[in-house]
Amino acid sequence: MSGAIAILIGTLGACSGGGNGNGVDDGIGYEQDSSGTGTGAGATGTGSASDDTVHGLKDSVRHVAARTVRATRPHLVRKCSTATRRVRHTSSSGTGSRRTTRTWYTTERYRSCAKVRSGTETYRKTVRTEKWCVELDDVNGDKRRDDVWYEVGRSVYGDARAADDRARLEFSPVAEGC
């Protein structure tokens, strides 16, 4: 029993991660600044930073507004009509050579509906979606990779816009280019 508890405590200690206290990146995405507070992707204890994150120095930010145009399309309406159909009914009685079958017909009414075109309608068609973009220099520490644009989410854009020029940013982009 005590051996199982020792293994459990050792496993939990290994999973807790955390910084090594010397302000150096310890490979799990956790860094400490001069005040001793954690920053970076692993600061919340979520483990290692994923491979799709990029980092670099903030160069510029750009918001590309959505663009819509007026367009027309067929206007469809539901049109129903009442119709009738003849339905055949049969009933059998008896067995063998004395078997008889009686047949009769009834008329049933039913509704038939279909969508039909009735003129046109106008609507707003999106021809360009809204995008938020961040431009980085020294991407992933490579001094030769400057002026690289990334499409990011709205919250990352807000954080980047509030950051100082040439500040170090790290994020997971939606797409490269913008």
Protein backbone atom coordinates (compact mmCIF):
# COMPACT_ATOMS: atom_id res chain seq x y z
CA MET A 1 0.00 0.00 0.00
CA SER A 2 2.75 2.45 0.92
CA GLY A 3 4.56 1.62 -2.34
CA ALA A 4 1.46 2.57 -4.36
CA ILE A 5 1.22 5.88 -2.48
CA ALA A 6 4.92 6.61 -3.19
CA ILE A 7 4.37 5.94 -6.91
CA LEU A 8 1.30 8.18 -6.92
CA ILE A 9 3.15 11.04 -5.20
CA GLY A 10 6.09 10.68 -7.61
CA THR A 11 3.77 10.71 -10.63
CA LEU A 12 1.89 13.78 -9.42
CA GLY A 13 5.18 15.58 -8.74
CA ALA A 14 6.40 14.82 -12.27
CA CYS A 15 3.12 15.99 -13.83
CA SER A 16 2.94 19.26 -11.93
CA GLY A 17 5.78 20.80 -13.98
CA GLY A 18 6.49 24.37 -12.95
CA GLY A 19 9.52 26.57 -13.46
CA ASN A 20 12.96 25.70 -12.26
CA GLY A 21 13.22 29.01 -10.42
CA ASN A 22 16.21 30.41 -12.29
CA GLY A 23 14.30 32.42 -14.93
CA VAL A 24 15.41 30.19 -17.81
CA ASP A 25 13.11 28.40 -20.19
CA ASP A 26 13.11 24.80 -18.97
CA GLY A 27 11.68 23.31 -22.16
CA ILE A 28 8.06 23.08 -21.08
CA GLY A 29 6.99 26.51 -22.28
CA TYR A 30 7.35 28.22 -18.89
CA GLU A 31 9.51 31.28 -18.39
CA GLN A 32 9.99 33.56 -15.43
CA ASP A 33 10.49 37.27 -15.76
CA SER A 34 12.53 39.37 -13.34
CA SER A 35 9.60 39.69 -10.91
CA GLY A 36 9.38 35.91 -10.53
CA THR A 37 5.91 35.59 -12.05
CA GLY A 38 5.39 33.06 -14.78
CA THR A 39 4.75 33.96 -18.40
CA GLY A 40 4.38 32.01 -21.60
CA ALA A 41 2.24 29.16 -22.85
CA GLY A 42 2.96 26.82 -19.94
CA ALA A 43 2.27 29.38 -17.20
CA THR A 44 -1.13 27.87 -16.53
CA GLY A 45 0.33 24.43 -16.00
CA THR A 46 -1.02 23.04 -19.25
CA GLY A 47 2.22 21.27 -20.14
CA SER A 48 4.48 21.89 -23.11
CA ALA A 49 3.85 24.53 -25.73
CA SER A 50 2.45 23.02 -28.90
CA ASP A 51 4.53 22.86 -32.08
CA ASP A 52 2.25 25.23 -34.00
CA THR A 53 3.09 28.27 -31.85
CA VAL A 54 5.33 30.98 -33.24
CA HIS A 55 7.20 33.72 -31.47
CA GLY A 56 8.93 36.88 -32.54
CA LEU A 57 9.04 40.63 -32.17
CA LYS A 58 5.90 42.65 -32.86
CA ASP A 59 6.22 44.71 -36.01
CA SER A 60 2.66 45.67 -36.94
CA VAL A 61 -1.00 44.67 -36.61
CA ARG A 62 -3.81 44.94 -39.15
CA HIS A 63 -7.57 44.43 -39.06
CA VAL A 64 -9.18 43.48 -42.37
CA ALA A 65 -12.90 44.25 -42.26
CA ALA A 66 -15.45 41.93 -43.81
CA ARG A 67 -16.73 42.99 -47.20
CA THR A 68 -20.27 42.32 -48.39
CA VAL A 69 -22.18 43.14 -51.54
CA ARG A 70 -25.85 43.12 -52.40
CA ALA A 71 -26.92 40.14 -54.46
CA THR A 72 -30.18 38.61 -55.65
CA ARG A 73 -31.44 35.06 -55.53
CA PRO A 74 -34.71 33.33 -56.40
CA HIS A 75 -37.40 33.77 -53.78
CA LEU A 76 -38.96 30.41 -52.98
CA VAL A 77 -42.42 30.08 -51.47
CA ARG A 78 -44.29 26.99 -50.33
CA LYS A 79 -47.31 26.37 -52.51
CA CYS A 80 -49.83 23.71 -51.61
CA SER A 81 -52.72 22.30 -53.58
CA THR A 82 -55.48 19.87 -52.71
CA ALA A 83 -55.84 16.82 -54.90
CA THR A 84 -57.72 13.51 -54.92
CA ARG A 85 -56.68 9.99 -55.70
CA ARG A 86 -58.56 6.74 -56.14
CA VAL A 87 -57.62 4.07 -53.60
CA ARG A 88 -58.31 0.36 -54.10
CA HIS A 89 -59.38 -1.80 -51.14
CA THR A 90 -59.84 -5.59 -51.03
CA SER A 91 -61.30 -8.00 -48.53
CA SER A 92 -61.19 -11.80 -48.66
CA SER A 93 -63.33 -14.38 -46.96
CA GLY A 94 -63.73 -18.16 -47.08
CA THR A 95 -61.23 -20.90 -47.90
CA GLY A 96 -60.39 -23.12 -50.80
CA SER A 97 -62.85 -23.08 -53.73
CA ARG A 98 -65.33 -21.04 -51.68
CA ARG A 99 -62.92 -18.16 -51.22
CA THR A 100 -64.31 -14.82 -52.37
CA THR A 101 -62.62 -11.50 -52.75
CA ARG A 102 -64.47 -8.24 -52.61
CA THR A 103 -62.95 -5.10 -54.12
CA TRP A 104 -64.10 -1.49 -53.69
CA TYR A 105 -62.68 1.94 -54.38
CA THR A 106 -62.74 5.18 -52.42
CA THR A 107 -61.61 8.67 -53.23
CA GLU A 108 -59.12 10.24 -50.80
CA ARG A 109 -58.17 13.89 -50.61
CA TYR A 110 -54.58 14.88 -49.90
CA ARG A 111 -52.40 17.99 -49.89
CA SER A 112 -49.44 18.28 -52.22
CA CYS A 113 -46.85 20.95 -51.32
CA ALA A 114 -43.77 22.14 -53.16
CA LYS A 115 -41.42 25.13 -53.07
CA VAL A 116 -41.82 27.22 -56.19
CA ARG A 117 -40.03 30.33 -57.40
CA SER A 118 -41.87 33.58 -56.91
CA GLY A 119 -39.70 36.48 -58.06
CA THR A 120 -36.34 37.35 -56.52
CA GLU A 121 -35.03 38.59 -53.17
CA THR A 122 -31.96 40.62 -52.26
CA TYR A 123 -29.47 39.63 -49.57
CA ARG A 124 -25.97 40.53 -48.35
CA LYS A 125 -23.33 38.22 -49.80
CA THR A 126 -19.96 38.02 -47.99
CA VAL A 127 -17.11 38.30 -50.49
CA ARG A 128 -14.31 38.74 -47.91
CA THR A 129 -14.35 37.44 -44.35
CA GLU A 130 -13.10 39.46 -41.40
CA LYS A 131 -9.46 38.83 -40.44
CA TRP A 132 -7.11 39.92 -37.69
CA CYS A 133 -3.41 39.95 -38.56
CA VAL A 134 -0.09 40.33 -36.74
CA GLU A 135 3.31 40.92 -38.39
CA LEU A 136 6.41 39.52 -36.66
CA ASP A 137 10.15 40.01 -37.03
CA ASP A 138 12.79 37.43 -36.02
CA VAL A 139 10.23 34.62 -36.30
CA ASN A 140 11.13 31.69 -34.02
CA GLY A 141 14.51 33.31 -33.32
CA ASP A 142 15.60 33.43 -36.97
CA LYS A 143 16.98 36.95 -37.57
CA ARG A 144 16.50 36.53 -41.34
CA ARG A 145 12.73 35.92 -41.09
CA ASP A 146 11.28 39.43 -40.85
CA ASP A 147 7.96 40.94 -41.91
CA VAL A 148 6.03 37.65 -41.70
CA TRP A 149 2.25 38.10 -41.44
CA TYR A 150 0.03 35.70 -39.50
CA GLU A 151 -3.74 35.54 -39.30
CA VAL A 152 -4.76 35.25 -35.64
CA GLY A 153 -7.89 35.11 -33.52
CA ARG A 154 -9.58 38.24 -32.23
CA SER A 155 -8.27 37.91 -28.67
CA VAL A 156 -4.64 37.43 -29.83
CA TYR A 157 -5.03 40.49 -32.06
CA GLY A 158 -6.25 42.53 -29.08
CA ASP A 159 -3.28 41.41 -26.99
CA ALA A 160 -0.83 42.19 -29.81
CA ARG A 161 -2.38 45.59 -30.43
CA ALA A 162 -2.01 46.50 -26.75
CA ALA A 163 1.63 45.31 -26.64
CA ASP A 164 4.52 47.73 -27.14
CA ASP A 165 6.36 47.89 -30.46
CA ARG A 166 9.14 45.30 -30.72
CA ALA A 167 7.62 43.35 -27.80
CA ARG A 168 8.12 39.58 -27.84
CA LEU A 169 4.87 37.83 -28.80
CA GLU A 170 4.05 34.13 -28.79
CA PHE A 171 0.81 32.70 -30.18
CA SER A 172 -0.75 29.97 -32.29
CA PRO A 173 -1.73 31.46 -35.66
CA VAL A 174 -4.88 30.57 -37.56
CA ALA A 175 -2.99 30.74 -40.86
CA GLU A 176 0.26 32.08 -42.26
CA GLY A 177 -0.09 35.16 -44.44
CA CYS A 178 -2.78 37.74 -44.33
